[in-house]
Structures are given as structure tokens and as C-alpha cells.
């Protein structure tokens, strides 16, 4: 299995509050896309995958009115 550093951001949509919650974690998984899909299994969501030039993968997730971003960087 591969190891990833994951940055999970919950982006505040409120126009007067642009702060965001950020969580950092190290995980082991075979595929980041499967990890995100399993995390939101059974819930209605949309997800956009973006591959960065440095090789990291960013998933823009919209679920329950929240915008969340997951950035996976292989360790």
C-alpha cells in the first residue's frame, strides 16, 4: 500500500468568514479516489479530481451544502 499525507479542508461559504478548517493526516491506501468515494458512501455528493504538476491529487467535494477539499501527496 502507498502512504499519503492528506490535507482535508472544509471551506466556509459564508461571505463574511473566509476562514477554513484544516486537518492533516497520514494514511495508507491503494487509491485516493477510492478512499474519497468510500468516505462519502451512501451520501449524495459531487467530486472533481485535479492532478497537480507536482503529482499530488486534489479532490473538490461538495456534500450536504459544504465544500471540502482533500489533497493527497504521496510520501
PDB file of N, CA and C in Angstrom:
ATOM      1  N   UNK A   1       0.824  -1.179   0.000  1.00  0.00           N
ATOM      2  CA  UNK A   1       0.000   0.000   0.000  1.00  0.00           C
ATOM      3  C   UNK A   1       0.871   1.247   0.000  1.00  0.00           C
ATOM      4  N   UNK A   2       0.344   2.294  -0.578  1.00  0.00           N
ATOM      5  CA  UNK A   2       1.066   3.557  -0.629  1.00  0.00           C
ATOM      6  C   UNK A   2       0.704   4.407   0.589  1.00  0.00           C
ATOM      7  N   UNK A   3       1.623   5.301   0.956  1.00  0.00           N
ATOM      8  CA  UNK A   3       1.384   6.225   2.061  1.00  0.00           C
ATOM      9  C   UNK A   3       1.197   7.628   1.503  1.00  0.00           C
ATOM     10  N   UNK A   4       0.229   8.334   2.070  1.00  0.00           N
ATOM     11  CA  UNK A   4      -0.079   9.685   1.622  1.00  0.00           C
ATOM     12  C   UNK A   4      -0.200  10.626   2.808  1.00  0.00           C
ATOM     13  N   UNK A   5       0.228  11.859   2.600  1.00  0.00           N
ATOM     14  CA  UNK A   5      -0.136  12.934   3.511  1.00  0.00           C
ATOM     15  C   UNK A   5      -1.430  13.502   2.938  1.00  0.00           C
ATOM     16  N   UNK A   6      -2.439  13.647   3.801  1.00  0.00           N
ATOM     17  CA  UNK A   6      -3.735  14.150   3.356  1.00  0.00           C
ATOM     18  C   UNK A   6      -4.036  15.453   4.092  1.00  0.00           C
ATOM     19  N   UNK A   7      -4.362  16.470   3.315  1.00  0.00           N
ATOM     20  CA  UNK A   7      -4.831  17.728   3.882  1.00  0.00           C
ATOM     21  C   UNK A   7      -6.322  17.800   3.573  1.00  0.00           C
ATOM     22  N   UNK A   8      -7.134  17.856   4.610  1.00  0.00           N
ATOM     23  CA  UNK A   8      -8.592  17.934   4.473  1.00  0.00           C
ATOM     24  C   UNK A   8      -8.999  19.336   4.885  1.00  0.00           C
ATOM     25  N   UNK A   9      -9.595  20.068   3.948  1.00  0.00           N
ATOM     26  CA  UNK A   9     -10.033  21.431   4.219  1.00  0.00           C
ATOM     27  C   UNK A   9     -11.551  21.509   4.106  1.00  0.00           C
ATOM     28  N   UNK A  10     -12.174  22.154   5.060  1.00  0.00           N
ATOM     29  CA  UNK A  10     -13.599  22.458   4.984  1.00  0.00           C
ATOM     30  C   UNK A  10     -13.673  23.956   4.753  1.00  0.00           C
ATOM     31  N   UNK A  11     -14.146  24.331   3.584  1.00  0.00           N
ATOM     32  CA  UNK A  11     -14.105  25.721   3.160  1.00  0.00           C
ATOM     33  C   UNK A  11     -15.423  26.395   3.523  1.00  0.00           C
ATOM     34  N   UNK A  12     -15.334  27.477   4.262  1.00  0.00           N
ATOM     35  CA  UNK A  12     -16.506  28.203   4.732  1.00  0.00           C
ATOM     36  C   UNK A  12     -17.082  29.023   3.581  1.00  0.00           C
ATOM     37  N   UNK A  13     -18.354  28.812   3.256  1.00  0.00           N
ATOM     38  CA  UNK A  13     -19.012  29.508   2.160  1.00  0.00           C
ATOM     39  C   UNK A  13     -19.599  30.860   2.564  1.00  0.00           C
ATOM     40  N   UNK A  14     -19.564  31.176   3.827  1.00  0.00           N
ATOM     41  CA  UNK A  14     -20.125  32.418   4.333  1.00  0.00           C
ATOM     42  C   UNK A  14     -19.309  33.604   3.784  1.00  0.00           C
ATOM     43  N   UNK A  15     -19.943  34.596   3.155  1.00  0.00           N
ATOM     44  CA  UNK A  15     -19.181  35.680   2.524  1.00  0.00           C
ATOM     45  C   UNK A  15     -18.367  36.530   3.499  1.00  0.00           C
ATOM     46  N   UNK A  16     -18.749  36.600   4.755  1.00  0.00           N
ATOM     47  CA  UNK A  16     -18.004  37.418   5.711  1.00  0.00           C
ATOM     48  C   UNK A  16     -17.002  36.612   6.534  1.00  0.00           C
ATOM     49  N   UNK A  17     -16.908  35.324   6.286  1.00  0.00           N
ATOM     50  CA  UNK A  17     -15.996  34.464   7.044  1.00  0.00           C
ATOM     51  C   UNK A  17     -15.262  33.561   6.067  1.00  0.00           C
ATOM     52  N   UNK A  18     -14.048  33.932   5.701  1.00  0.00           N
ATOM     53  CA  UNK A  18     -13.301  33.166   4.719  1.00  0.00           C
ATOM     54  C   UNK A  18     -12.314  32.191   5.347  1.00  0.00           C
ATOM     55  N   UNK A  19     -12.439  31.962   6.645  1.00  0.00           N
ATOM     56  CA  UNK A  19     -11.536  31.014   7.292  1.00  0.00           C
ATOM     57  C   UNK A  19     -11.929  29.601   6.897  1.00  0.00           C
ATOM     58  N   UNK A  20     -11.030  28.684   7.080  1.00  0.00           N
ATOM     59  CA  UNK A  20     -11.316  27.297   6.767  1.00  0.00           C
ATOM     60  C   UNK A  20     -10.713  26.403   7.826  1.00  0.00           C
ATOM     61  N   UNK A  21     -11.337  25.274   8.007  1.00  0.00           N
ATOM     62  CA  UNK A  21     -10.800  24.272   8.914  1.00  0.00           C
ATOM     63  C   UNK A  21      -9.858  23.390   8.116  1.00  0.00           C
ATOM     64  N   UNK A  22      -8.685  23.113   8.668  1.00  0.00           N
ATOM     65  CA  UNK A  22      -7.705  22.259   8.001  1.00  0.00           C
ATOM     66  C   UNK A  22      -7.280  21.154   8.947  1.00  0.00           C
ATOM     67  N   UNK A  23      -7.242  19.943   8.397  1.00  0.00           N
ATOM     68  CA  UNK A  23      -6.833  18.765   9.147  1.00  0.00           C
ATOM     69  C   UNK A  23      -5.748  18.051   8.358  1.00  0.00           C
ATOM     70  N   UNK A  24      -4.711  17.607   9.043  1.00  0.00           N
ATOM     71  CA  UNK A  24      -3.591  16.920   8.408  1.00  0.00           C
ATOM     72  C   UNK A  24      -3.535  15.494   8.936  1.00  0.00           C
ATOM     73  N   UNK A  25      -3.269  14.554   8.029  1.00  0.00           N
ATOM     74  CA  UNK A  25      -3.219  13.155   8.434  1.00  0.00           C
ATOM     75  C   UNK A  25      -2.289  12.407   7.490  1.00  0.00           C
ATOM     76  N   UNK A  26      -1.775  11.276   7.943  1.00  0.00           N
ATOM     77  CA  UNK A  26      -1.030  10.358   7.096  1.00  0.00           C
ATOM     78  C   UNK A  26      -1.822   9.066   7.041  1.00  0.00           C
ATOM     79  N   UNK A  27      -2.073   8.576   5.819  1.00  0.00           N
ATOM     80  CA  UNK A  27      -2.873   7.367   5.657  1.00  0.00           C
ATOM     81  C   UNK A  27      -2.163   6.406   4.707  1.00  0.00           C
ATOM     82  N   UNK A  28      -2.588   5.158   4.751  1.00  0.00           N
ATOM     83  CA  UNK A  28      -2.165   4.146   3.795  1.00  0.00           C
ATOM     84  C   UNK A  28      -3.389   3.736   2.996  1.00  0.00           C
ATOM     85  N   UNK A  29      -3.285   3.792   1.677  1.00  0.00           N
ATOM     86  CA  UNK A  29      -4.366   3.333   0.804  1.00  0.00           C
ATOM     87  C   UNK A  29      -3.789   3.049  -0.573  1.00  0.00           C
ATOM     88  N   UNK A  30      -4.494   2.255  -1.345  1.00  0.00           N
ATOM     89  CA  UNK A  30      -4.058   1.948  -2.696  1.00  0.00           C
ATOM     90  C   UNK A  30      -4.410   3.064  -3.667  1.00  0.00           C
ATOM     91  N   UNK A  31      -5.588   3.662  -3.466  1.00  0.00           N
ATOM     92  CA  UNK A  31      -6.089   4.629  -4.432  1.00  0.00           C
ATOM     93  C   UNK A  31      -6.836   5.754  -3.720  1.00  0.00           C
ATOM     94  N   UNK A  32      -6.348   6.988  -3.795  1.00  0.00           N
ATOM     95  CA  UNK A  32      -7.024   8.109  -3.135  1.00  0.00           C
ATOM     96  C   UNK A  32      -8.469   8.310  -3.600  1.00  0.00           C
ATOM     97  N   UNK A  33      -8.742   8.062  -4.871  1.00  0.00           N
ATOM     98  CA  UNK A  33     -10.106   8.236  -5.375  1.00  0.00           C
ATOM     99  C   UNK A  33     -11.067   7.266  -4.683  1.00  0.00           C
ATOM    100  N   UNK A  34     -10.642   6.029  -4.482  1.00  0.00           N
ATOM    101  CA  UNK A  34     -11.451   5.049  -3.772  1.00  0.00           C
ATOM    102  C   UNK A  34     -11.634   5.458  -2.316  1.00  0.00           C
ATOM    103  N   UNK A  35     -10.591   5.996  -1.700  1.00  0.00           N
ATOM    104  CA  UNK A  35     -10.666   6.471  -0.316  1.00  0.00           C
ATOM    105  C   UNK A  35     -11.757   7.531  -0.171  1.00  0.00           C
ATOM    106  N   UNK A  36     -11.776   8.514  -1.086  1.00  0.00           N
ATOM    107  CA  UNK A  36     -12.774   9.584  -1.026  1.00  0.00           C
ATOM    108  C   UNK A  36     -14.166   9.006  -1.277  1.00  0.00           C
ATOM    109  N   UNK A  37     -14.292   8.144  -2.270  1.00  0.00           N
ATOM    110  CA  UNK A  37     -15.588   7.539  -2.593  1.00  0.00           C
ATOM    111  C   UNK A  37     -16.146   6.770  -1.397  1.00  0.00           C
ATOM    112  N   UNK A  38     -15.302   6.000  -0.715  1.00  0.00           N
ATOM    113  CA  UNK A  38     -15.741   5.223   0.453  1.00  0.00           C
ATOM    114  C   UNK A  38     -16.098   6.139   1.626  1.00  0.00           C
ATOM    115  N   UNK A  39     -15.408   7.261   1.755  1.00  0.00           N
ATOM    116  CA  UNK A  39     -15.675   8.204   2.850  1.00  0.00           C
ATOM    117  C   UNK A  39     -17.095   8.770   2.753  1.00  0.00           C
ATOM    118  N   UNK A  40     -17.587   8.947   1.537  1.00  0.00           N
ATOM    119  CA  UNK A  40     -18.911   9.537   1.332  1.00  0.00           C
ATOM    120  C   UNK A  40     -19.939   8.522   0.837  1.00  0.00           C
ATOM    121  N   UNK A  41     -19.646   7.259   0.996  1.00  0.00           N
ATOM    122  CA  UNK A  41     -20.546   6.194   0.565  1.00  0.00           C
ATOM    123  C   UNK A  41     -21.918   6.351   1.230  1.00  0.00           C
ATOM    124  N   UNK A  42     -22.973   6.244   0.422  1.00  0.00           N
ATOM    125  CA  UNK A  42     -24.326   6.355   0.944  1.00  0.00           C
ATOM    126  C   UNK A  42     -24.839   7.780   1.040  1.00  0.00           C
ATOM    127  N   UNK A  43     -24.001   8.752   0.684  1.00  0.00           N
ATOM    128  CA  UNK A  43     -24.405  10.162   0.727  1.00  0.00           C
ATOM    129  C   UNK A  43     -24.381  10.714  -0.694  1.00  0.00           C
ATOM    130  N   UNK A  44     -25.203  11.704  -0.938  1.00  0.00           N
ATOM    131  CA  UNK A  44     -25.226  12.353  -2.239  1.00  0.00           C
ATOM    132  C   UNK A  44     -24.153  13.440  -2.259  1.00  0.00           C
ATOM    133  N   UNK A  45     -23.233  13.366  -3.224  1.00  0.00           N
ATOM    134  CA  UNK A  45     -22.144  14.327  -3.303  1.00  0.00           C
ATOM    135  C   UNK A  45     -21.663  14.445  -4.743  1.00  0.00           C
ATOM    136  N   UNK A  46     -20.924  15.510  -5.028  1.00  0.00           N
ATOM    137  CA  UNK A  46     -20.226  15.635  -6.298  1.00  0.00           C
ATOM    138  C   UNK A  46     -18.741  15.773  -5.990  1.00  0.00           C
ATOM    139  N   UNK A  47     -17.926  15.320  -6.924  1.00  0.00           N
ATOM    140  CA  UNK A  47     -16.486  15.312  -6.689  1.00  0.00           C
ATOM    141  C   UNK A  47     -15.756  15.595  -8.003  1.00  0.00           C
ATOM    142  N   UNK A  48     -14.771  16.474  -7.939  1.00  0.00           N
ATOM    143  CA  UNK A  48     -13.927  16.766  -9.084  1.00  0.00           C
ATOM    144  C   UNK A  48     -12.487  16.439  -8.711  1.00  0.00           C
ATOM    145  N   UNK A  49     -11.826  15.653  -9.543  1.00  0.00           N
ATOM    146  CA  UNK A  49     -10.433  15.259  -9.295  1.00  0.00           C
ATOM    147  C   UNK A  49      -9.515  16.131 -10.145  1.00  0.00           C
ATOM    148  N   UNK A  50      -8.464  16.682  -9.507  1.00  0.00           N
ATOM    149  CA  UNK A  50      -7.496  17.531 -10.195  1.00  0.00           C
ATOM    150  C   UNK A  50      -6.102  16.983  -9.907  1.00  0.00           C
ATOM    151  N   UNK A  51      -5.349  16.685 -10.952  1.00  0.00           N
ATOM    152  CA  UNK A  51      -3.970  16.204 -10.780  1.00  0.00           C
ATOM    153  C   UNK A  51      -3.035  17.411 -10.901  1.00  0.00           C
ATOM    154  N   UNK A  52      -2.232  17.646  -9.877  1.00  0.00           N
ATOM    155  CA  UNK A  52      -1.311  18.775  -9.842  1.00  0.00           C
ATOM    156  C   UNK A  52       0.000  18.433 -10.558  1.00  0.00           C
ATOM    157  N   UNK A  53       0.745  19.453 -10.946  1.00  0.00           N
ATOM    158  CA  UNK A  53       2.039  19.244 -11.625  1.00  0.00           C
ATOM    159  C   UNK A  53       3.035  18.497 -10.752  1.00  0.00           C
ATOM    160  N   UNK A  54       2.937  18.686  -9.434  1.00  0.00           N
ATOM    161  CA  UNK A  54       3.879  18.026  -8.514  1.00  0.00           C
ATOM    162  C   UNK A  54       3.498  16.574  -8.221  1.00  0.00           C
ATOM    163  N   UNK A  55       2.388  16.083  -8.846  1.00  0.00           N
ATOM    164  CA  UNK A  55       1.972  14.700  -8.654  1.00  0.00           C
ATOM    165  C   UNK A  55       0.896  14.522  -7.601  1.00  0.00           C
ATOM    166  N   UNK A  56       0.619  15.547  -6.821  1.00  0.00           N
ATOM    167  CA  UNK A  56      -0.431  15.421  -5.812  1.00  0.00           C
ATOM    168  C   UNK A  56      -1.804  15.421  -6.493  1.00  0.00           C
ATOM    169  N   UNK A  57      -2.787  14.869  -5.790  1.00  0.00           N
ATOM    170  CA  UNK A  57      -4.149  14.796  -6.300  1.00  0.00           C
ATOM    171  C   UNK A  57      -5.059  15.586  -5.378  1.00  0.00           C
ATOM    172  N   UNK A  58      -5.911  16.412  -5.974  1.00  0.00           N
ATOM    173  CA  UNK A  58      -6.847  17.240  -5.223  1.00  0.00           C
ATOM    174  C   UNK A  58      -8.254  16.801  -5.601  1.00  0.00           C
ATOM    175  N   UNK A  59      -9.083  16.607  -4.589  1.00  0.00           N
ATOM    176  CA  UNK A  59     -10.480  16.252  -4.797  1.00  0.00           C
ATOM    177  C   UNK A  59     -11.339  17.358  -4.205  1.00  0.00           C
ATOM    178  N   UNK A  60     -12.101  18.036  -5.057  1.00  0.00           N
ATOM    179  CA  UNK A  60     -13.041  19.065  -4.628  1.00  0.00           C
ATOM    180  C   UNK A  60     -14.382  18.364  -4.432  1.00  0.00           C
ATOM    181  N   UNK A  61     -14.855  18.296  -3.197  1.00  0.00           N
ATOM    182  CA  UNK A  61     -16.061  17.544  -2.853  1.00  0.00           C
ATOM    183  C   UNK A  61     -17.122  18.521  -2.338  1.00  0.00           C
ATOM    184  N   UNK A  62     -18.335  18.363  -2.844  1.00  0.00           N
ATOM    185  CA  UNK A  62     -19.484  19.146  -2.376  1.00  0.00           C
ATOM    186  C   UNK A  62     -20.506  18.168  -1.832  1.00  0.00           C
ATOM    187  N   UNK A  63     -20.772  18.250  -0.515  1.00  0.00           N
ATOM    188  CA  UNK A  63     -21.685  17.325   0.144  1.00  0.00           C
ATOM    189  C   UNK A  63     -22.434  18.073   1.243  1.00  0.00           C
ATOM    190  N   UNK A  64     -23.729  17.875   1.313  1.00  0.00           N
ATOM    191  CA  UNK A  64     -24.567  18.485   2.353  1.00  0.00           C
ATOM    192  C   UNK A  64     -24.362  19.998   2.466  1.00  0.00           C
ATOM    193  N   UNK A  65     -24.191  20.667   1.335  1.00  0.00           N
ATOM    194  CA  UNK A  65     -24.012  22.115   1.336  1.00  0.00           C
ATOM    195  C   UNK A  65     -22.622  22.585   1.728  1.00  0.00           C
ATOM    196  N   UNK A  66     -21.687  21.659   1.937  1.00  0.00           N
ATOM    197  CA  UNK A  66     -20.315  22.017   2.312  1.00  0.00           C
ATOM    198  C   UNK A  66     -19.353  21.767   1.164  1.00  0.00           C
ATOM    199  N   UNK A  67     -18.375  22.651   1.034  1.00  0.00           N
ATOM    200  CA  UNK A  67     -17.289  22.467   0.074  1.00  0.00           C
ATOM    201  C   UNK A  67     -16.087  21.948   0.865  1.00  0.00           C
ATOM    202  N   UNK A  68     -15.628  20.769   0.491  1.00  0.00           N
ATOM    203  CA  UNK A  68     -14.476  20.173   1.151  1.00  0.00           C
ATOM    204  C   UNK A  68     -13.413  19.881   0.108  1.00  0.00           C
ATOM    205  N   UNK A  69     -12.162  20.002   0.510  1.00  0.00           N
ATOM    206  CA  UNK A  69     -11.040  19.718  -0.397  1.00  0.00           C
ATOM    207  C   UNK A  69     -10.109  18.722   0.289  1.00  0.00           C
ATOM    208  N   UNK A  70      -9.765  17.670  -0.445  1.00  0.00           N
ATOM    209  CA  UNK A  70      -8.803  16.675   0.019  1.00  0.00           C
ATOM    210  C   UNK A  70      -7.603  16.727  -0.915  1.00  0.00           C
ATOM    211  N   UNK A  71      -6.410  16.947  -0.348  1.00  0.00           N
ATOM    212  CA  UNK A  71      -5.175  16.960  -1.138  1.00  0.00           C
ATOM    213  C   UNK A  71      -4.311  15.793  -0.686  1.00  0.00           C
ATOM    214  N   UNK A  72      -3.990  14.899  -1.619  1.00  0.00           N
ATOM    215  CA  UNK A  72      -3.184  13.711  -1.341  1.00  0.00           C
ATOM    216  C   UNK A  72      -1.802  13.891  -1.967  1.00  0.00           C
ATOM    217  N   UNK A  73      -0.773  13.771  -1.131  1.00  0.00           N
ATOM    218  CA  UNK A  73       0.602  13.818  -1.591  1.00  0.00           C
ATOM    219  C   UNK A  73       1.287  12.541  -1.137  1.00  0.00           C
ATOM    220  N   UNK A  74       1.834  11.803  -2.107  1.00  0.00           N
ATOM    221  CA  UNK A  74       2.494  10.540  -1.754  1.00  0.00           C
ATOM    222  C   UNK A  74       3.761  10.812  -0.954  1.00  0.00           C
ATOM    223  N   UNK A  75       3.937  10.027   0.102  1.00  0.00           N
ATOM    224  CA  UNK A  75       5.108  10.175   0.977  1.00  0.00           C
ATOM    225  C   UNK A  75       6.209   9.267   0.479  1.00  0.00           C
TER     226      UNK A  75
END
